[in-house]
Amino acid sequence: MAAHEENTAFSGLLDQFMQSAVFESGLAEATLGAYAADIAAYLSFLAAAGKADLNSVTREDVLDHLIALRKEQKLSARSTARHLSAIRRFHAFLRGERLTTGDPAEGFDAPRLTQSLPHVLSASEVERMLRIPDVSKPEGIRDAAILELFYSSGLRISELAKLPTRDVSLDEGAVRVKGKGSKVRLVPLGSAAMDRIRAWLEVRAASKVLDDTLFLGARGKRMSRTTVWQVVKRYARAANIAQNVTPHMLRHSFATHLLDNGADLRAVQEMLGHSDIATTQIYTHVSVDRLSKAHRTFHPRA
């Protein structure tokens, strides 16, 4: 009974983590469902072990859980890696949100697997999306600015939704972004994004304004992440893009297209707000993968 009570005490944190994962990571629905089950099992294990406070969890606790899974459920290396990935994301989230002070899963090596590459849009697909909003209407002007900002600056959905107008400098051509762990970075704006934002600011100034964020809903309040997500979905469908397009896919596309065109990896790391360049290096793999496909398709002796 005590274990059940402890697990219930953790359930609020699981809900917070899953909400963040839905909007931030761009993971497939099946993966999100698996992560929810994995973390629920992990929290049950911790509760049964008498861990009433997640600050008291140690690396040994994480390892004990993984060993128990391998022994009791005969998990494959791939399934174990998924469990560990979920646990690492969960603890990184807790630390990033200052809900815990440490990260017992930091530095754990997953079983060696082929890394899946992020899905990206082609430049022509992005262009199709960007041409869809009806800029003769206030909502279309706003939505055009949202799409351009996502693609121009690679912002996360939470960063864009809560971006205050004071952190947008059209004179400098940049936005000041507070990212994960309250880290602040300066991200350049493309000329097209600046034009769209400038047009939206004129509409915004003449509208009902009840929040300091750049993008507002019809009632003058901050747009929720769900609403911003729906904006991206709507225009992707209207552009007849076959992929399941998410805001995070625009972030992936931003990074990949920069590297495709010769951008420096460190510069892309700074713009994305990655603390570890290894996270950014996945996009170099995407670029190499695309080059390899082009070579196989077009070279006469490939």
Protein backbone atom coordinates (compact mmCIF):
# COMPACT_ATOMS: atom_id res chain seq x y z
CA MET A 1 0.00 0.00 0.00
CA ALA A 2 2.84 2.37 0.87
CA ALA A 3 4.44 1.81 -2.52
CA HIS A 4 1.18 2.73 -4.25
CA GLU A 5 0.94 5.93 -2.19
CA GLU A 6 4.50 6.92 -3.05
CA ASN A 7 3.85 6.28 -6.74
CA THR A 8 0.75 8.49 -6.53
CA ALA A 9 2.90 11.21 -4.98
CA PHE A 10 5.14 11.08 -8.04
CA SER A 11 2.28 11.08 -10.54
CA GLY A 12 2.13 14.88 -10.75
CA LEU A 13 5.78 14.96 -11.85
CA LEU A 14 5.08 12.30 -14.48
CA ASP A 15 2.20 14.40 -15.83
CA GLN A 16 4.45 17.49 -16.02
CA PHE A 17 7.17 15.54 -17.79
CA MET A 18 4.79 14.07 -20.37
CA GLN A 19 3.26 17.45 -21.11
CA SER A 20 6.75 18.81 -21.73
CA ALA A 21 7.68 15.79 -23.88
CA VAL A 22 4.59 16.20 -26.07
CA PHE A 23 5.36 19.81 -26.92
CA GLU A 24 9.13 19.92 -26.81
CA SER A 25 10.52 16.72 -28.24
CA GLY A 26 8.50 16.05 -31.36
CA LEU A 27 8.46 12.34 -30.53
CA ALA A 28 6.07 9.96 -32.24
CA GLU A 29 2.85 9.15 -30.39
CA ALA A 30 3.90 5.52 -29.92
CA THR A 31 7.22 6.60 -28.39
CA LEU A 32 5.48 9.01 -26.03
CA GLY A 33 3.16 6.22 -24.88
CA ALA A 34 6.12 3.92 -24.30
CA TYR A 35 7.95 6.62 -22.34
CA ALA A 36 4.91 7.18 -20.11
CA ALA A 37 4.75 3.45 -19.34
CA ASP A 38 8.52 3.27 -18.78
CA ILE A 39 8.56 6.18 -16.32
CA ALA A 40 5.49 4.88 -14.50
CA ALA A 41 7.27 1.54 -14.02
CA TYR A 42 10.43 3.35 -12.88
CA LEU A 43 8.52 5.43 -10.33
CA SER A 44 6.79 2.31 -9.02
CA PHE A 45 10.21 0.69 -8.58
CA LEU A 46 11.49 3.74 -6.68
CA ALA A 47 8.39 3.85 -4.49
CA ALA A 48 8.77 0.17 -3.67
CA ALA A 49 12.40 0.85 -2.75
CA GLY A 50 11.26 3.50 -0.28
CA LYS A 51 12.38 6.52 -2.29
CA ALA A 52 9.91 9.18 -1.14
CA ASP A 53 12.02 12.05 -2.54
CA LEU A 54 13.49 12.02 -6.05
CA ASN A 55 16.46 14.02 -4.76
CA SER A 56 17.48 10.87 -2.89
CA VAL A 57 17.67 8.72 -6.05
CA THR A 58 21.20 7.53 -6.85
CA ARG A 59 22.94 6.09 -9.90
CA GLU A 60 22.76 2.71 -8.17
CA ASP A 61 18.95 2.99 -8.00
CA VAL A 62 18.77 3.62 -11.74
CA LEU A 63 21.13 0.72 -12.41
CA ASP A 64 19.18 -1.60 -10.08
CA HIS A 65 15.99 -0.81 -11.98
CA LEU A 66 17.58 -1.55 -15.35
CA ILE A 67 19.08 -4.80 -14.07
CA ALA A 68 15.69 -5.83 -12.66
CA LEU A 69 14.06 -5.16 -16.03
CA ARG A 70 16.63 -7.26 -17.88
CA LYS A 71 16.27 -10.15 -15.42
CA GLU A 72 12.51 -10.12 -14.92
CA GLN A 73 11.29 -9.09 -18.36
CA LYS A 74 14.18 -10.39 -20.48
CA LEU A 75 14.37 -7.05 -22.29
CA SER A 76 16.40 -6.69 -25.46
CA ALA A 77 19.18 -4.12 -25.74
CA ARG A 78 16.84 -1.90 -27.75
CA SER A 79 14.08 -2.02 -25.14
CA THR A 80 16.58 -1.39 -22.35
CA ALA A 81 17.95 1.58 -24.28
CA ARG A 82 14.45 2.98 -24.61
CA HIS A 83 13.85 2.61 -20.87
CA LEU A 84 17.14 4.35 -20.14
CA SER A 85 16.36 7.10 -22.64
CA ALA A 86 13.04 7.74 -20.91
CA ILE A 87 14.69 7.81 -17.48
CA ARG A 88 17.44 10.15 -18.67
CA ARG A 89 14.91 12.51 -20.22
CA PHE A 90 12.83 12.42 -17.04
CA HIS A 91 15.73 13.29 -14.73
CA ALA A 92 17.05 15.94 -17.13
CA PHE A 93 13.57 17.48 -17.15
CA LEU A 94 13.37 17.48 -13.34
CA ARG A 95 16.76 19.14 -13.06
CA GLY A 96 16.04 21.64 -15.84
CA GLU A 97 12.81 22.66 -14.11
CA ARG A 98 14.67 22.90 -10.77
CA LEU A 99 12.47 20.20 -9.28
CA THR A 100 15.58 18.26 -8.26
CA THR A 101 19.15 19.36 -7.66
CA GLY A 102 20.97 16.45 -9.29
CA ASP A 103 20.70 13.99 -12.17
CA PRO A 104 21.48 10.38 -11.20
CA ALA A 105 21.06 9.21 -14.83
CA GLU A 106 23.60 11.66 -16.24
CA GLY A 107 26.48 9.94 -18.01
CA PHE A 108 24.83 6.53 -18.31
CA ASP A 109 25.80 4.79 -21.54
CA ALA A 110 22.95 3.14 -23.41
CA PRO A 111 23.43 -0.18 -25.21
CA ARG A 112 25.05 0.61 -28.55
CA LEU A 113 22.37 1.04 -31.21
CA THR A 114 22.07 2.74 -34.55
CA GLN A 115 20.93 6.27 -33.83
CA SER A 116 17.68 7.24 -35.51
CA LEU A 117 17.91 10.44 -37.50
CA PRO A 118 15.48 13.31 -36.99
CA HIS A 119 12.88 13.88 -39.69
CA VAL A 120 13.34 17.09 -41.63
CA LEU A 121 11.41 18.94 -44.29
CA SER A 122 12.94 19.79 -47.64
CA ALA A 123 13.51 23.45 -48.41
CA SER A 124 10.68 23.32 -50.98
CA GLU A 125 8.26 21.85 -48.41
CA VAL A 126 9.09 24.64 -45.97
CA GLU A 127 8.57 27.21 -48.72
CA ARG A 128 5.15 25.72 -49.50
CA MET A 129 4.13 26.05 -45.86
CA LEU A 130 5.37 29.62 -45.61
CA ARG A 131 3.32 30.69 -48.64
CA ILE A 132 0.01 29.38 -47.24
CA PRO A 133 -1.01 32.00 -44.60
CA ASP A 134 -3.46 34.63 -45.88
CA VAL A 135 -1.59 37.82 -45.00
CA SER A 136 -4.61 39.96 -45.91
CA LYS A 137 -6.08 38.90 -42.54
CA PRO A 138 -4.75 39.58 -39.00
CA GLU A 139 -4.63 35.87 -38.10
CA GLY A 140 -2.76 35.07 -41.31
CA ILE A 141 -0.23 37.84 -40.62
CA ARG A 142 0.36 36.40 -37.14
CA ASP A 143 0.61 32.82 -38.37
CA ALA A 144 3.03 33.80 -41.14
CA ALA A 145 5.26 35.39 -38.47
CA ILE A 146 5.05 32.26 -36.29
CA LEU A 147 6.11 29.95 -39.13
CA GLU A 148 8.91 32.25 -40.27
CA LEU A 149 10.26 32.60 -36.73
CA PHE A 150 10.27 28.83 -36.19
CA TYR A 151 12.19 28.23 -39.41
CA SER A 152 14.42 31.30 -39.23
CA SER A 153 15.62 30.81 -35.67
CA GLY A 154 15.04 27.16 -34.70
CA LEU A 155 13.17 28.01 -31.52
CA ARG A 156 11.53 25.36 -29.37
CA ILE A 157 7.75 25.65 -29.16
CA SER A 158 7.85 26.75 -25.51
CA GLU A 159 10.45 29.40 -26.34
CA LEU A 160 8.34 30.83 -29.14
CA ALA A 161 5.05 30.72 -27.22
CA LYS A 162 6.43 32.65 -24.24
CA LEU A 163 8.72 35.03 -26.16
CA PRO A 164 8.08 38.58 -24.89
CA THR A 165 8.04 41.49 -27.34
CA ARG A 166 10.87 43.19 -25.42
CA ASP A 167 13.19 40.32 -26.39
CA VAL A 168 12.62 40.86 -30.11
CA SER A 169 15.02 43.42 -31.61
CA LEU A 170 14.33 44.19 -35.25
CA ASP A 171 17.06 46.84 -35.16
CA GLU A 172 19.64 44.18 -34.23
CA GLY A 173 17.92 41.49 -36.27
CA ALA A 174 17.87 39.05 -33.38
CA VAL A 175 15.75 37.56 -30.60
CA ARG A 176 16.86 37.03 -27.02
CA VAL A 177 15.70 33.55 -26.01
CA LYS A 178 15.47 32.04 -22.54
CA GLY A 179 15.84 28.30 -23.10
CA LYS A 180 16.20 25.18 -20.99
CA GLY A 181 17.70 25.70 -17.57
CA SER A 182 16.99 29.45 -17.89
CA LYS A 183 19.99 29.80 -20.23
CA VAL A 184 19.76 32.90 -22.41
CA ARG A 185 21.01 33.01 -25.99
CA LEU A 186 20.87 35.50 -28.85
CA VAL A 187 19.53 34.07 -32.12
CA PRO A 188 19.67 35.92 -35.46
CA LEU A 189 16.54 36.67 -37.47
CA GLY A 190 16.35 36.25 -41.23
CA SER A 191 15.09 39.17 -43.31
CA ALA A 192 11.86 37.32 -44.21
CA ALA A 193 11.14 36.64 -40.53
CA MET A 194 11.82 40.27 -39.66
CA ASP A 195 9.37 41.45 -42.33
CA ARG A 196 6.67 39.10 -41.07
CA ILE A 197 7.24 40.04 -37.42
CA ARG A 198 7.20 43.74 -38.27
CA ALA A 199 3.86 43.30 -40.04
CA TRP A 200 2.47 41.36 -37.08
CA LEU A 201 3.64 43.97 -34.57
CA GLU A 202 1.60 46.60 -36.42
CA VAL A 203 -1.50 44.40 -36.24
CA ARG A 204 -0.76 43.52 -32.62
CA ALA A 205 -0.47 47.19 -31.63
CA ALA A 206 -3.94 47.86 -33.03
CA SER A 207 -5.47 44.82 -31.29
CA LYS A 208 -6.52 43.92 -27.76
CA VAL A 209 -3.34 43.22 -25.80
CA LEU A 210 -3.50 41.49 -22.41
CA ASP A 211 -0.07 39.86 -22.36
CA ASP A 212 3.52 40.92 -23.07
CA THR A 213 4.24 37.92 -25.30
CA LEU A 214 4.88 38.48 -29.01
CA PHE A 215 2.13 36.18 -30.23
CA LEU A 216 -1.41 36.58 -28.95
CA GLY A 217 -4.68 34.76 -29.50
CA ALA A 218 -7.94 36.38 -30.59
CA ARG A 219 -8.71 37.51 -27.01
CA GLY A 220 -5.39 39.27 -26.62
CA LYS A 221 -3.85 36.65 -24.33
CA ARG A 222 -0.73 34.52 -24.74
CA MET A 223 -1.10 31.62 -27.16
CA SER A 224 -0.78 28.23 -25.51
CA ARG A 225 1.71 25.68 -26.82
CA THR A 226 -1.24 23.61 -28.00
CA THR A 227 -2.57 26.50 -30.09
CA VAL A 228 0.86 27.17 -31.61
CA TRP A 229 1.18 23.44 -32.37
CA GLN A 230 -2.18 23.55 -34.15
CA VAL A 231 -1.04 26.51 -36.27
CA VAL A 232 1.90 24.48 -37.60
CA LYS A 233 -0.29 21.42 -38.18
CA ARG A 234 -2.91 23.42 -40.08
CA TYR A 235 -0.48 24.93 -42.55
CA ALA A 236 1.40 21.66 -43.05
CA ARG A 237 -1.87 20.00 -44.04
CA ALA A 238 -2.77 22.93 -46.30
CA ALA A 239 0.63 22.59 -48.00
CA ASN A 240 -0.08 18.88 -48.66
CA ILE A 241 3.02 17.70 -46.81
CA ALA A 242 2.84 13.95 -46.26
CA GLN A 243 4.99 13.88 -43.11
CA ASN A 244 3.58 14.39 -39.63
CA VAL A 245 4.90 17.93 -39.28
CA THR A 246 5.56 19.32 -35.79
CA PRO A 247 7.14 22.54 -34.54
CA HIS A 248 10.19 20.48 -33.58
CA MET A 249 10.51 19.31 -37.18
CA LEU A 250 10.87 22.95 -38.22
CA ARG A 251 13.68 23.21 -35.64
CA HIS A 252 15.31 20.10 -37.14
CA SER A 253 14.92 21.57 -40.62
CA PHE A 254 16.44 24.89 -39.52
CA ALA A 255 19.58 23.16 -38.24
CA THR A 256 19.92 20.72 -41.12
CA HIS A 257 19.49 23.33 -43.84
CA LEU A 258 22.10 25.55 -42.18
CA LEU A 259 24.63 22.72 -42.13
CA ASP A 260 23.71 21.67 -45.67
CA ASN A 261 24.70 25.14 -46.78
CA GLY A 262 28.03 25.22 -44.95
CA ALA A 263 27.22 26.67 -41.53
CA ASP A 264 29.71 26.04 -38.70
CA LEU A 265 28.61 23.33 -36.27
CA ARG A 266 29.50 25.44 -33.23
CA ALA A 267 27.41 28.33 -34.54
CA VAL A 268 24.42 26.02 -35.02
CA GLN A 269 24.96 24.66 -31.50
CA GLU A 270 24.79 28.22 -30.11
CA MET A 271 21.65 29.06 -32.06
CA LEU A 272 19.88 25.88 -30.96
CA GLY A 273 20.90 26.38 -27.34
CA HIS A 274 22.50 22.94 -26.99
CA SER A 275 24.80 22.67 -23.98
CA ASP A 276 26.62 19.69 -25.53
CA ILE A 277 27.82 19.77 -29.13
CA ALA A 278 27.21 16.01 -29.33
CA THR A 279 23.50 16.81 -29.39
CA THR A 280 24.02 19.08 -32.39
CA GLN A 281 26.15 16.54 -34.24
CA ILE A 282 23.08 14.44 -35.08
CA TYR A 283 22.34 17.04 -37.77
CA THR A 284 25.69 16.41 -39.44
CA HIS A 285 24.61 12.77 -39.70
CA VAL A 286 21.40 13.91 -41.38
CA SER A 287 23.37 15.93 -43.90
CA VAL A 288 25.76 13.05 -44.64
CA ASP A 289 22.79 10.70 -44.98
CA ARG A 290 21.19 13.02 -47.54
CA LEU A 291 24.45 13.32 -49.46
CA SER A 292 24.80 9.53 -49.51
CA LYS A 293 21.29 9.13 -50.90
CA ALA A 294 21.99 11.72 -53.58
CA HIS A 295 25.22 9.90 -54.49
CA ARG A 296 23.46 6.53 -54.74
CA THR A 297 20.69 8.05 -56.84
CA PHE A 298 22.71 10.09 -59.30
CA HIS A 299 26.24 8.70 -59.56
CA PRO A 300 26.59 6.26 -62.50
CA ARG A 301 28.81 3.88 -60.50
CA ALA A 302 27.22 4.19 -57.09
